[in-house]
Protein backbone atom coordinates (compact mmCIF):
# COMPACT_ATOMS: atom_id res chain seq x y z
CA UNK A 1 77.75 -183.74 120.43
CA UNK A 2 76.10 -187.04 119.51
CA UNK A 3 75.89 -187.90 123.21
CA UNK A 4 74.29 -184.54 123.98
CA UNK A 5 71.79 -185.06 121.18
CA UNK A 6 70.86 -188.50 122.49
CA UNK A 7 70.55 -187.11 126.02
CA UNK A 8 68.27 -184.33 124.83
CA UNK A 9 66.07 -186.87 123.07
CA UNK A 10 65.57 -188.67 126.38
CA UNK A 11 64.48 -185.58 128.28
CA UNK A 12 61.35 -183.42 128.15
CA UNK A 13 63.17 -180.69 126.17
CA UNK A 14 61.62 -181.76 122.87
CA UNK A 15 59.78 -178.44 122.68
CA UNK A 16 63.02 -176.44 122.88
CA UNK A 17 64.76 -178.67 120.34
CA UNK A 18 61.89 -178.00 117.94
CA UNK A 19 62.01 -174.31 118.85
CA UNK A 20 65.74 -174.14 118.06
CA UNK A 21 65.03 -175.52 114.59
CA UNK A 22 62.21 -173.01 113.99
CA UNK A 23 64.48 -170.24 115.31
CA UNK A 24 67.14 -171.07 112.71
CA UNK A 25 64.44 -171.22 110.01
CA UNK A 26 63.33 -167.72 111.07
CA UNK A 27 59.85 -168.93 111.98
CA UNK A 28 59.93 -168.39 115.76
CA UNK A 29 57.74 -165.61 117.15
CA UNK A 30 59.05 -162.85 119.41
CA UNK A 31 57.47 -164.60 122.38
CA UNK A 32 59.08 -167.93 121.45
CA UNK A 33 62.50 -166.32 120.99
CA UNK A 34 62.16 -164.91 124.51
CA UNK A 35 61.34 -168.36 125.86
CA UNK A 36 64.30 -169.88 124.02
CA UNK A 37 66.66 -167.22 125.36
CA UNK A 38 65.48 -167.84 128.92
CA UNK A 39 65.94 -171.59 128.46
CA UNK A 40 69.49 -171.18 127.13
CA UNK A 41 70.42 -168.91 130.04
CA UNK A 42 68.84 -171.13 132.66
CA UNK A 43 71.43 -173.91 132.43
CA UNK A 44 75.00 -174.15 131.05
CA UNK A 45 74.08 -177.54 129.55
CA UNK A 46 71.31 -175.86 127.55
CA UNK A 47 73.74 -173.18 126.37
CA UNK A 48 76.26 -175.78 125.19
CA UNK A 49 73.55 -177.77 123.47
CA UNK A 50 72.32 -174.67 121.64
CA UNK A 51 75.90 -173.83 120.61
CA UNK A 52 76.44 -177.32 119.17
CA UNK A 53 73.20 -177.13 117.19
CA UNK A 54 74.19 -173.69 115.92
CA UNK A 55 77.50 -175.06 114.63
CA UNK A 56 75.72 -177.94 112.89
CA UNK A 57 73.15 -175.60 111.39
CA UNK A 58 75.86 -173.39 109.94
CA UNK A 59 77.54 -176.45 108.44
CA UNK A 60 74.29 -177.57 106.83
CA UNK A 61 73.62 -174.08 105.48
CA UNK A 62 77.12 -173.83 104.03
CA UNK A 63 76.64 -177.21 102.38
CA UNK A 64 73.24 -176.20 101.02
CA UNK A 65 74.45 -172.99 99.38
CA UNK A 66 77.27 -174.58 97.44
CA UNK A 67 79.83 -176.38 99.53
CA UNK A 68 79.87 -180.15 99.27
CA UNK A 69 80.67 -182.70 101.95
CA UNK A 70 84.23 -183.99 101.59
CA UNK A 71 83.43 -187.69 101.83
CA UNK A 72 87.08 -188.74 101.72
CA UNK A 73 87.87 -186.42 104.59
CA UNK A 74 84.94 -187.73 106.63
CA UNK A 75 86.00 -191.29 105.83
CA UNK A 76 89.62 -190.65 106.82
CA UNK A 77 88.51 -189.01 110.05
CA UNK A 78 86.33 -191.97 110.96
CA UNK A 79 89.00 -194.44 109.83
CA UNK A 80 91.68 -192.83 111.95
CA UNK A 81 89.40 -192.98 114.99
CA UNK A 82 88.82 -196.68 114.35
CA UNK A 83 92.52 -197.37 113.70
CA UNK A 84 91.88 -198.42 110.12
CA UNK A 85 93.79 -197.35 107.05
CA UNK A 86 92.35 -197.47 103.60
CA UNK A 87 94.95 -199.92 102.22
CA UNK A 88 94.30 -202.29 105.12
CA UNK A 89 90.72 -203.04 104.02
CA UNK A 90 90.21 -206.68 103.20
CA UNK A 91 87.14 -206.00 101.15
CA UNK A 92 85.58 -203.17 99.25
CA UNK A 93 82.29 -203.94 100.98
CA UNK A 94 83.74 -203.02 104.35
CA UNK A 95 85.34 -199.93 102.88
CA UNK A 96 82.19 -198.56 101.37
CA UNK A 97 80.10 -199.59 104.37
CA UNK A 98 82.31 -197.52 106.65
CA UNK A 99 82.22 -194.62 104.19
CA UNK A 100 78.42 -194.69 104.40
CA UNK A 101 78.68 -194.79 108.21
CA UNK A 102 80.85 -191.67 108.14
CA UNK A 103 78.28 -189.81 106.05
CA UNK A 104 75.49 -190.99 108.35
CA UNK A 105 77.24 -189.74 111.48
CA UNK A 106 78.01 -186.42 109.82
CA UNK A 107 74.37 -185.86 108.89
CA UNK A 108 72.72 -187.38 111.96
CA UNK A 109 71.91 -184.19 113.86
CA UNK A 110 70.87 -182.14 110.80
CA UNK A 111 68.59 -185.01 109.80
CA UNK A 112 66.94 -184.81 113.21
CA UNK A 113 66.28 -181.09 112.73
CA UNK A 114 64.83 -181.68 109.28
CA UNK A 115 62.65 -184.49 110.64
CA UNK A 116 61.34 -182.24 113.37
CA UNK A 117 60.66 -179.43 110.92
CA UNK A 118 59.18 -181.29 107.98
CA UNK A 119 57.68 -184.43 109.53
CA UNK A 120 55.06 -182.45 111.41
CA UNK A 121 51.63 -183.45 110.14
CA UNK A 122 49.62 -180.79 108.38
CA UNK A 123 47.20 -178.77 110.45
CA UNK A 124 43.68 -180.07 110.60
CA UNK A 125 40.52 -177.99 110.49
CA UNK A 126 37.10 -178.70 111.90
CA UNK A 127 34.37 -176.76 110.16
CA UNK A 128 30.72 -176.61 111.21
CA UNK A 129 28.68 -175.87 108.10
CA UNK A 130 24.93 -175.75 108.61
CA UNK A 131 25.00 -178.07 111.59
CA UNK A 132 26.53 -178.03 115.07
CA UNK A 133 29.40 -180.50 115.41
CA UNK A 134 31.05 -181.99 118.50
CA UNK A 135 34.52 -183.53 118.37
CA UNK A 136 37.13 -184.88 120.77
CA UNK A 137 40.64 -183.56 120.08
CA UNK A 138 43.74 -185.80 120.38
CA UNK A 139 44.44 -184.52 123.92
CA UNK A 140 40.95 -185.48 125.13
CA UNK A 141 39.48 -181.97 124.92
CA UNK A 142 35.86 -181.92 123.75
CA UNK A 143 34.84 -179.01 121.54
CA UNK A 144 31.39 -178.14 120.20
CA UNK A 145 31.30 -175.76 117.23
CA UNK A 146 28.24 -173.71 116.39
CA UNK A 147 27.22 -173.42 112.73
CA UNK A 148 29.75 -171.52 110.64
CA UNK A 149 32.56 -171.91 113.18
CA UNK A 150 36.02 -173.34 112.38
CA UNK A 151 38.78 -174.73 114.57
CA UNK A 152 42.34 -175.24 113.29
CA UNK A 153 44.95 -177.27 115.19
CA UNK A 154 48.00 -179.51 114.89
CA UNK A 155 46.85 -183.03 115.87
CA UNK A 156 50.17 -183.82 117.56
CA UNK A 157 50.03 -180.84 119.94
CA UNK A 158 53.86 -180.73 119.91
CA UNK A 159 55.77 -178.48 122.24
CA UNK A 160 54.91 -177.03 125.62
CA UNK A 161 51.41 -175.78 124.71
CA UNK A 162 48.25 -177.06 123.04
CA UNK A 163 47.33 -174.34 120.57
CA UNK A 164 44.17 -174.05 118.47
CA UNK A 165 42.76 -171.24 116.34
CA UNK A 166 39.05 -170.44 116.51
CA UNK A 167 36.66 -168.47 114.36
CA UNK A 168 33.03 -168.25 115.48
CA UNK A 169 31.23 -169.72 118.49
CA UNK A 170 32.38 -172.77 120.41
CA UNK A 171 32.06 -174.55 123.74
CA UNK A 172 35.21 -176.13 125.17
CA UNK A 173 35.66 -178.82 127.80
CA UNK A 174 39.45 -178.80 128.04
CA UNK A 175 41.27 -181.93 129.22
CA UNK A 176 43.43 -181.02 132.21
CA UNK A 177 47.20 -181.02 131.72
CA UNK A 178 49.25 -178.82 134.07
CA UNK A 179 52.40 -179.35 132.00
CA UNK A 180 50.86 -178.23 128.72
CA UNK A 181 48.39 -175.30 128.82
CA UNK A 182 45.62 -175.07 126.23
CA UNK A 183 45.66 -171.80 124.26
CA UNK A 184 42.95 -170.54 121.92
CA UNK A 185 44.01 -167.95 119.36
CA UNK A 186 41.32 -165.64 117.95
CA UNK A 187 43.03 -163.01 115.82
CA UNK A 188 45.08 -160.99 118.35
CA UNK A 189 43.28 -162.39 121.42
CA UNK A 190 44.61 -165.32 123.46
CA UNK A 191 42.71 -167.50 125.92
CA UNK A 192 44.94 -169.65 128.15
CA UNK A 193 43.64 -172.50 130.30
CA UNK A 194 44.84 -175.72 131.91
CA UNK A 195 41.59 -177.65 132.28
CA UNK A 196 38.18 -176.02 132.33
CA UNK A 197 34.88 -175.50 130.49
CA UNK A 198 33.88 -172.25 128.83
CA UNK A 199 32.16 -170.57 125.88
CA UNK A 200 33.89 -168.42 123.27
CA UNK A 201 32.40 -166.18 120.59
CA UNK A 202 34.90 -164.48 118.29
CA UNK A 203 32.19 -162.75 116.26
CA UNK A 204 29.70 -161.12 118.62
CA UNK A 205 27.18 -158.57 117.36
CA UNK A 206 28.88 -155.70 119.21
CA UNK A 207 32.29 -156.36 117.58
CA UNK A 208 33.85 -157.94 120.66
CA UNK A 209 35.22 -161.36 121.46
CA UNK A 210 33.27 -162.85 124.35
CA UNK A 211 34.36 -165.52 126.82
CA UNK A 212 31.98 -166.94 129.43
CA UNK A 213 33.46 -169.28 132.03
CA UNK A 214 31.58 -172.21 133.52
CA UNK A 215 34.31 -173.91 135.57
CA UNK A 216 38.01 -173.51 136.36
CA UNK A 217 40.08 -170.40 135.67
CA UNK A 218 40.79 -168.71 132.34
CA UNK A 219 43.44 -166.14 131.45
CA UNK A 220 42.55 -163.77 128.62
CA UNK A 221 44.86 -161.23 127.00
CA UNK A 222 46.00 -159.65 123.75
CA UNK A 223 48.98 -161.40 122.13
CA UNK A 224 51.04 -158.24 121.69
CA UNK A 225 49.86 -156.74 125.01
CA UNK A 226 50.33 -159.50 127.61
CA UNK A 227 50.07 -156.91 130.38
CA UNK A 228 46.35 -156.74 129.64
CA UNK A 229 45.91 -160.28 131.02
CA UNK A 230 42.84 -160.76 133.18
CA UNK A 231 41.73 -163.77 135.22
CA UNK A 232 38.22 -165.05 134.68
CA UNK A 233 36.35 -167.07 137.30
CA UNK A 234 33.21 -169.25 137.03
CA UNK A 235 30.10 -167.21 136.27
CA UNK A 236 32.10 -164.33 134.80
CA UNK A 237 32.22 -162.93 131.29
CA UNK A 238 35.05 -161.16 129.49
CA UNK A 239 34.56 -158.86 126.50
CA UNK A 240 37.64 -158.00 124.49
CA UNK A 241 37.23 -155.03 122.19
CA UNK A 242 38.35 -155.58 118.61
CA UNK A 243 39.49 -151.98 118.09
CA UNK A 244 41.46 -151.58 121.30
CA UNK A 245 43.33 -153.36 124.06
CA UNK A 246 40.70 -153.48 126.74
CA UNK A 247 39.38 -156.48 128.67
CA UNK A 248 35.98 -155.83 130.25
CA UNK A 249 35.17 -158.38 132.97
CA UNK A 250 31.60 -158.64 134.30
CA UNK A 251 29.20 -161.15 135.83
CA UNK A 252 27.46 -163.13 133.10
CA UNK A 253 23.78 -162.21 132.96
CA UNK A 254 22.89 -164.24 129.89
CA UNK A 255 21.29 -167.49 131.05
CA UNK A 256 20.82 -168.56 127.43
CA UNK A 257 24.43 -168.28 126.24
CA UNK A 258 24.56 -172.05 125.56
CA UNK A 259 21.04 -172.47 124.20
CA UNK A 260 22.43 -172.97 120.66
CA UNK A 261 24.04 -176.18 122.01
CA UNK A 262 21.53 -177.40 124.60
CA UNK A 263 18.22 -175.97 123.29
CA UNK A 264 17.54 -175.05 126.91
CA UNK A 265 16.02 -171.55 127.03
CA UNK A 266 14.75 -169.53 129.96
CA UNK A 267 12.63 -166.40 129.44
CA UNK A 268 11.61 -164.19 132.35
CA UNK A 269 9.35 -161.31 131.30
CA UNK A 270 11.35 -161.23 128.07
CA UNK A 271 10.27 -159.06 125.10
CA UNK A 272 9.04 -161.09 122.16
CA UNK A 273 11.60 -159.52 119.80
CA UNK A 274 14.39 -161.00 121.96
CA UNK A 275 12.63 -164.36 122.05
CA UNK A 276 12.31 -164.65 118.25
CA UNK A 277 15.93 -163.50 117.80
CA UNK A 278 17.13 -166.35 120.01
CA UNK A 279 14.82 -168.88 118.35
CA UNK A 280 16.22 -167.88 114.96
CA UNK A 281 19.75 -168.59 116.22
CA UNK A 282 18.94 -171.83 118.02
CA UNK A 283 16.79 -173.44 115.32
CA UNK A 284 18.47 -171.85 112.27
CA UNK A 285 15.08 -170.82 110.96
CA UNK A 286 14.05 -167.23 110.39
CA UNK A 287 11.37 -166.23 112.91
CA UNK A 288 9.82 -162.81 112.29
CA UNK A 289 6.97 -160.61 113.55
CA UNK A 290 4.32 -159.27 111.20
CA UNK A 291 3.88 -156.08 113.25
CA UNK A 292 6.53 -154.11 115.16
CA UNK A 293 3.95 -153.53 117.91
CA UNK A 294 4.33 -157.19 118.86
CA UNK A 295 8.02 -156.64 119.73
CA UNK A 296 7.33 -155.57 123.30
CA UNK A 297 4.94 -158.39 124.13
CA UNK A 298 6.52 -160.24 127.04
CA UNK A 299 6.63 -163.85 128.06
CA UNK A 300 7.85 -165.96 130.99
CA UNK A 301 8.50 -169.60 130.18
CA UNK A 302 11.15 -172.29 129.86
CA UNK A 303 11.94 -174.57 126.93
CA UNK A 304 14.13 -177.63 127.27
CA UNK A 305 15.15 -179.47 124.12
CA UNK A 306 11.80 -178.96 122.45
CA UNK A 307 11.20 -178.83 118.71
CA UNK A 308 10.59 -175.50 117.02
CA UNK A 309 6.98 -176.51 116.32
CA UNK A 310 6.42 -177.18 120.03
CA UNK A 311 7.98 -173.84 121.00
CA UNK A 312 5.83 -171.92 118.51
CA UNK A 313 2.70 -173.64 119.83
CA UNK A 314 3.52 -172.40 123.33
CA UNK A 315 4.03 -168.85 122.09
CA UNK A 316 0.75 -168.91 120.15
CA UNK A 317 -1.22 -170.23 123.11
CA UNK A 318 0.41 -167.90 125.64
CA UNK A 319 0.26 -164.66 123.65
CA UNK A 320 -2.74 -165.45 121.43
CA UNK A 321 -0.67 -165.39 118.25
CA UNK A 322 -0.87 -167.07 114.86
CA UNK A 323 2.06 -168.42 112.84
CA UNK A 324 2.55 -168.70 109.09
CA UNK A 325 5.12 -170.77 107.27
CA UNK A 326 6.91 -168.40 104.89
CA UNK A 327 9.00 -171.09 103.20
CA UNK A 328 12.22 -169.79 104.74
CA UNK A 329 10.88 -169.62 108.28
CA UNK A 330 7.83 -168.54 110.28
CA UNK A 331 6.00 -165.27 110.77
CA UNK A 332 4.11 -164.55 113.99
CA UNK A 333 1.08 -162.27 113.96
CA UNK A 334 -1.67 -161.19 116.31
CA UNK A 335 -3.82 -158.20 117.20
CA UNK A 336 -3.51 -158.22 120.97
CA UNK A 337 -0.80 -159.58 123.23
CA UNK A 338 -2.09 -161.50 126.19
CA UNK A 339 0.60 -161.07 128.80
CA UNK A 340 1.85 -164.10 130.65
CA UNK A 341 1.80 -164.30 134.43
């Protein structure tokens, strides 16, 4: 058994060793149990290894609930294997040293399980308060979180996947790793990629979770309905309904979906009400209209990394508007809309 344990430590089966431990702790998910079962059945060596761990686990559990380790028995067993009898010891130091060795060998594999289970560092959380933040994760993935968004992850990315949990809006540039897919969990929705760049919004205004792909391929599905999986290609958008199990895949028509990150905005005959709504989101400053009749004024222009003051000056000059600082934002007013070309 010790040899098998050492062999397993030298292979890439670390994920399944960790999964076995979580299975015995009752913490493995239904999906993980299925993976473990397939792994055990795939190779007789895996089956024997699982059986040995199961025996050890039962021994540890029996010890934990009241049985104690018979140190004399373990010592005698080790001594007989070494051809040593207790009365033949020339020193008590050797005697007790070998007794300690017996205990160590008996507890070696359980200690490994406990190390795997308890030595995992606590999950870390990135939280974007009132500012956008950009961070590089331990695997090299770059993530940009919009204000109010949070990302939770285990910094070691143990196992066969790189899993993170997202709330809010984020842009991902995932480091490519064919052996370890990157999975984003957003409530019951899962987004699975290998290496790609895409936008995710878990809190859209129409109560959907939106994914817009820029490069690579993304798989989106519901955790408990994997048959709903859909492939997403560059330029496409997926909407996943929160109150059902439906994935709606369309061509992305929103050229400004990343404006909150880049401050690059394109407006083509766009109603003013849509313009001020986007400006409010991008600059985190409330932009309002003094008169509802201004809502349908239209404008065609492009902004690229400009300040809010500069953007408002363009709107005022183009549509003959005035702006007033309200303390919490700006109010636009005007009697007549001069349409842009």
